[in-house]
Structures are given as C-alpha cells and as structure tokens.
Amino acid sequence: MTLRGENSVFTYLPKGGEITFSARGGELYGDRGPIRIKLYPLLEPLGQSVAEVEVPADKSDHAVKLASSYPGLHRIEIKDGNDQTAITWPVGGLPLAIPSGPESFARLEGRQQMYFYVPKGTRTIAGYSENLTGALVTADGSVSFRFSELKNPGYFDVPVPDGQDGRIWRLEESRGKKLFMTIPPYLSPASESLLVPKEVVSP
C-alpha cells in the first residue's frame, strides 16, 4: 500500500509483542525529512506512544520494528511530510485495518487492490467515491459494480447479491478515496490480513 501525508492504520497484538513491516519513503520529493512512525496501544492509559521509529526518505526499503507490552488494538501513525510512503505488510502476519470511512480515512495513493468485509445480512454497500476508477468485486470474483457507472464522482449504492454477504470482497484497480457507509469501513491489502470489529463477523 502507498500512503501520503499523515495517516493511521491499525493492528492487533493478542499478547503484546513486535510489529514488523517495511517502509520506503521519499517517493516524490526526497527532501521532506524522514518518515516518522509511532505506535499507540489502545490500552495505554495516557494515550501515549510506546515506540517510535524514523525511516530515511531515500527511496529504499527499510525494516520497521515496533514493540509493545500491551495486548489488543494498536494504532500506527505514519507521517511523511506529504512525500509518499510505500508500506509492505507481511502476508500471513499480523492483521491490518486501513480506515476508509467518512469520519476517518487513510490517504491511499496510486492504484490499489484492497479487501473489505461485508457482514452477514448486508443488503446494500453504500458509500462515496471521489473518482470513477476501480470496481467492487464479490467474494466469488464477479464484478458487482464499476465506479465508471457513476458518470460523476459521488455517492454509490450497490446491492449485495444472494450468498455474497458474510464474506470478503475486494476493491480492484481503485484510486483515491472510497468511503464506506453501510459496512465496516476498513481495508487491507491482503484478505488474510483483514482486521474488522469482532461484533460484525458471522459466527
């Protein structure tokens, strides 16, 4: 995934431990200073970071390691001076949630393939798209909606076919903001890594 500016993503540590991924900064300018990455556990009583890392903005991949003694949900804050940062999250590693809702969203750059969860009983996927690129693809691989059908950027409302609720869908060849309003507004670059609120997951 490629981010730009100031962004937050979320992960989950069952018992505390180490979060590892790679970051490559300076993708646009290279003169905005290092990428600043901080880790905030939800259970930290003062709301303070427990780990901080600076990554050179030199267009090279660098390993990032953030340790926490707290279990549970953690927020990772990434600031790059608006210079664009590529994050590689280990597939099969810790879960990842990239916010993509009206009240909170990450600034994703470039063409993205992202996965999201459609809870059981959902009849409509509604939201907002700032452009006409990309498509919504169902769990069985069928294109359910192309954003070019909107004609103009704006709100979308897509019916969920029978049997496709309670499953993981994907955004394909998507650019810019896609903000979800009727499903959990969280994305992940791999279906295996998708992190969603436990209360919306079918038993």
Protein backbone atom coordinates (compact mmCIF):
# COMPACT_ATOMS: atom_id res chain seq x y z
CA MET A 1 0.00 0.00 0.00
CA THR A 2 1.12 3.56 -0.71
CA LEU A 3 0.25 6.38 1.67
CA ARG A 4 0.86 10.12 1.59
CA GLY A 5 0.79 12.73 4.34
CA GLU A 6 -0.35 11.89 7.87
CA ASN A 7 -2.11 8.54 8.21
CA SER A 8 -3.08 5.93 10.79
CA VAL A 9 -3.59 2.19 10.35
CA PHE A 10 -4.49 -0.42 12.97
CA THR A 11 -3.26 -3.84 14.01
CA TYR A 12 -3.90 -6.29 16.84
CA LEU A 13 -1.47 -7.97 19.23
CA PRO A 14 -3.05 -10.81 21.22
CA LYS A 15 -0.42 -10.67 23.99
CA GLY A 16 1.80 -7.73 23.09
CA GLY A 17 4.99 -8.28 21.15
CA GLU A 18 6.62 -6.92 17.99
CA ILE A 19 5.13 -5.44 14.84
CA THR A 20 7.32 -5.68 11.74
CA PHE A 21 6.88 -4.34 8.21
CA SER A 22 8.91 -2.42 5.65
CA ALA A 23 8.68 1.23 4.61
CA ARG A 24 10.08 3.10 1.62
CA GLY A 25 9.90 6.88 1.73
CA GLY A 26 10.80 9.89 -0.38
CA GLU A 27 8.79 8.56 -3.30
CA LEU A 28 8.01 12.05 -4.65
CA TYR A 29 10.48 14.66 -3.43
CA GLY A 30 13.02 13.16 -1.05
CA ASP A 31 13.58 16.46 0.77
CA ARG A 32 10.80 16.43 3.38
CA GLY A 33 12.79 14.67 6.08
CA PRO A 34 12.43 11.13 7.43
CA ILE A 35 9.21 9.16 7.77
CA ARG A 36 8.08 9.33 11.39
CA ILE A 37 6.27 6.25 12.68
CA LYS A 38 4.73 5.91 16.15
CA LEU A 39 2.84 3.11 17.89
CA TYR A 40 -0.16 3.81 20.15
CA PRO A 41 -1.79 0.91 22.08
CA LEU A 42 -5.47 1.42 22.79
CA LEU A 43 -4.88 0.26 26.39
CA GLU A 44 -2.08 2.75 27.11
CA PRO A 45 -3.74 4.82 29.88
CA LEU A 46 -2.31 8.21 28.88
CA GLY A 47 -2.75 7.76 25.16
CA GLN A 48 1.00 7.97 24.57
CA SER A 49 3.14 6.18 22.02
CA VAL A 50 5.22 3.23 23.22
CA ALA A 51 7.56 3.00 20.22
CA GLU A 52 8.88 5.49 17.67
CA VAL A 53 10.96 4.96 14.52
CA GLU A 54 12.34 7.30 11.85
CA VAL A 55 12.91 5.93 8.35
CA PRO A 56 15.14 7.76 5.84
CA ALA A 57 13.31 9.20 2.84
CA ASP A 58 15.82 7.68 0.40
CA LYS A 59 13.54 5.60 -1.85
CA SER A 60 14.90 2.39 -0.31
CA ASP A 61 13.08 -0.29 1.67
CA HIS A 62 13.79 -0.24 5.40
CA ALA A 63 12.68 -2.76 8.04
CA VAL A 64 10.46 -1.26 10.74
CA LYS A 65 10.11 -2.90 14.15
CA LEU A 66 7.75 -1.58 16.82
CA ALA A 67 7.43 -3.32 20.20
CA SER A 68 4.60 -3.11 22.72
CA SER A 69 3.92 -4.79 26.04
CA TYR A 70 0.18 -4.15 25.69
CA PRO A 71 -2.28 -6.65 24.21
CA GLY A 72 -5.12 -5.66 21.92
CA LEU A 73 -5.68 -2.99 19.32
CA HIS A 74 -2.81 -0.69 18.30
CA ARG A 75 -2.76 2.40 16.09
CA ILE A 76 0.27 3.00 13.88
CA GLU A 77 0.76 6.66 12.97
CA ILE A 78 2.76 7.38 9.80
CA LYS A 79 3.87 10.92 8.85
CA ASP A 80 5.96 11.59 5.75
CA GLY A 81 5.73 15.34 5.11
CA ASN A 82 3.38 14.68 2.18
CA ASP A 83 6.19 12.89 0.34
CA GLN A 84 4.51 9.47 -0.19
CA THR A 85 5.47 6.23 1.55
CA ALA A 86 5.19 2.64 0.35
CA ILE A 87 4.38 0.16 3.14
CA THR A 88 4.83 -3.59 2.67
CA TRP A 89 2.84 -5.52 5.27
CA PRO A 90 3.81 -9.20 5.71
CA VAL A 91 1.17 -11.51 4.26
CA GLY A 92 0.15 -14.02 6.88
CA GLY A 93 1.49 -11.82 9.66
CA LEU A 94 -0.46 -9.59 12.00
CA PRO A 95 -3.89 -8.33 10.92
CA LEU A 96 -4.24 -4.87 9.41
CA ALA A 97 -7.06 -2.34 9.14
CA ILE A 98 -6.82 0.76 6.94
CA PRO A 99 -9.68 3.17 7.78
CA SER A 100 -11.87 4.14 4.85
CA GLY A 101 -14.98 5.83 6.23
CA PRO A 102 -16.47 9.33 6.17
CA GLU A 103 -15.12 10.22 9.62
CA SER A 104 -11.67 8.66 9.30
CA PHE A 105 -9.75 7.53 6.25
CA ALA A 106 -6.19 6.93 5.11
CA ARG A 107 -4.85 8.80 2.10
CA LEU A 108 -4.05 5.99 -0.32
CA GLU A 109 -2.05 6.82 -3.45
CA GLY A 110 -1.79 5.07 -6.80
CA ARG A 111 -3.86 2.13 -7.97
CA GLN A 112 -4.78 -0.17 -5.12
CA GLN A 113 -6.24 -3.63 -4.65
CA MET A 114 -7.85 -3.78 -1.23
CA TYR A 115 -10.08 -6.24 0.62
CA PHE A 116 -13.07 -5.50 2.86
CA TYR A 117 -15.70 -7.44 4.77
CA VAL A 118 -19.43 -7.43 4.01
CA PRO A 119 -21.27 -8.56 7.18
CA LYS A 120 -23.98 -11.20 7.12
CA GLY A 121 -27.35 -9.65 6.37
CA THR A 122 -25.96 -6.66 4.45
CA ARG A 123 -28.24 -5.83 1.55
CA THR A 124 -26.52 -2.73 0.17
CA ILE A 125 -22.96 -1.41 0.02
CA ALA A 126 -23.22 2.36 0.04
CA GLY A 127 -20.54 4.99 0.15
CA TYR A 128 -18.74 7.80 -1.65
CA SER A 129 -16.10 7.74 -4.40
CA GLU A 130 -14.04 10.80 -5.30
CA ASN A 131 -13.35 9.47 -8.82
CA LEU A 132 -14.52 6.94 -11.38
CA THR A 133 -11.71 4.38 -11.22
CA GLY A 134 -11.93 0.85 -9.89
CA ALA A 135 -14.55 -1.79 -9.27
CA LEU A 136 -16.24 -3.69 -6.44
CA VAL A 137 -15.64 -7.43 -6.81
CA THR A 138 -17.69 -10.02 -4.92
CA ALA A 139 -16.30 -12.91 -2.89
CA ASP A 140 -16.79 -15.25 -5.87
CA GLY A 141 -14.81 -12.97 -8.20
CA SER A 142 -17.65 -11.33 -10.10
CA VAL A 143 -17.57 -7.59 -10.79
CA SER A 144 -20.58 -6.19 -8.96
CA PHE A 145 -20.04 -2.51 -9.77
CA ARG A 146 -17.66 -0.33 -11.75
CA PHE A 147 -17.25 3.21 -10.47
CA SER A 148 -17.31 4.48 -14.07
CA GLU A 149 -21.05 3.77 -13.94
CA LEU A 150 -21.43 6.83 -11.69
CA LYS A 151 -20.69 9.22 -14.59
CA ASN A 152 -19.54 11.76 -11.97
CA PRO A 153 -17.76 11.37 -8.60
CA GLY A 154 -20.26 10.98 -5.80
CA TYR A 155 -22.30 8.51 -3.77
CA PHE A 156 -22.84 4.91 -4.78
CA ASP A 157 -25.37 2.28 -3.71
CA VAL A 158 -24.67 -1.32 -4.74
CA PRO A 159 -26.97 -4.30 -3.99
CA VAL A 160 -25.34 -7.34 -2.39
CA PRO A 161 -26.17 -10.49 -4.39
CA ASP A 162 -27.59 -13.51 -2.59
CA GLY A 163 -24.88 -15.54 -0.90
CA GLN A 164 -22.28 -12.77 -1.06
CA ASP A 165 -22.89 -11.32 2.41
CA GLY A 166 -20.83 -12.53 5.36
CA ARG A 167 -17.81 -12.74 3.03
CA ILE A 168 -14.72 -10.80 1.96
CA TRP A 169 -14.95 -8.64 -1.17
CA ARG A 170 -12.28 -6.53 -2.84
CA LEU A 171 -11.69 -3.16 -4.42
CA GLU A 172 -9.85 -3.61 -7.71
CA GLU A 173 -7.77 -1.03 -9.63
CA SER A 174 -9.03 1.65 -7.28
CA ARG A 175 -7.64 5.17 -6.91
CA GLY A 176 -8.39 7.87 -4.35
CA LYS A 177 -10.97 7.81 -1.59
CA LYS A 178 -13.61 5.10 -1.47
CA LEU A 179 -15.56 5.79 1.74
CA PHE A 180 -17.90 3.07 3.01
CA MET A 181 -21.06 3.87 4.98
CA THR A 182 -23.04 0.62 5.36
CA ILE A 183 -20.23 -1.86 6.05
CA PRO A 184 -17.20 -1.77 8.39
CA PRO A 185 -15.02 0.96 6.80
CA TYR A 186 -11.71 -0.89 6.94
CA LEU A 187 -9.48 -2.20 4.16
CA SER A 188 -6.45 -4.47 3.91
CA PRO A 189 -4.08 -5.24 1.01
CA ALA A 190 -4.49 -8.99 1.65
CA SER A 191 -7.61 -10.94 2.55
CA GLU A 192 -5.61 -12.97 5.10
CA SER A 193 -4.68 -9.77 6.95
CA LEU A 194 -8.07 -8.09 7.11
CA LEU A 195 -8.96 -6.82 10.60
CA VAL A 196 -12.60 -5.98 11.35
CA PRO A 197 -14.64 -5.45 14.55
CA LYS A 198 -15.43 -8.85 16.05
CA GLU A 199 -19.09 -7.99 16.62
CA VAL A 200 -19.75 -7.83 12.84
CA VAL A 201 -18.17 -11.15 11.96
CA SER A 202 -20.54 -14.06 11.44
CA PRO A 203 -20.09 -16.90 13.97
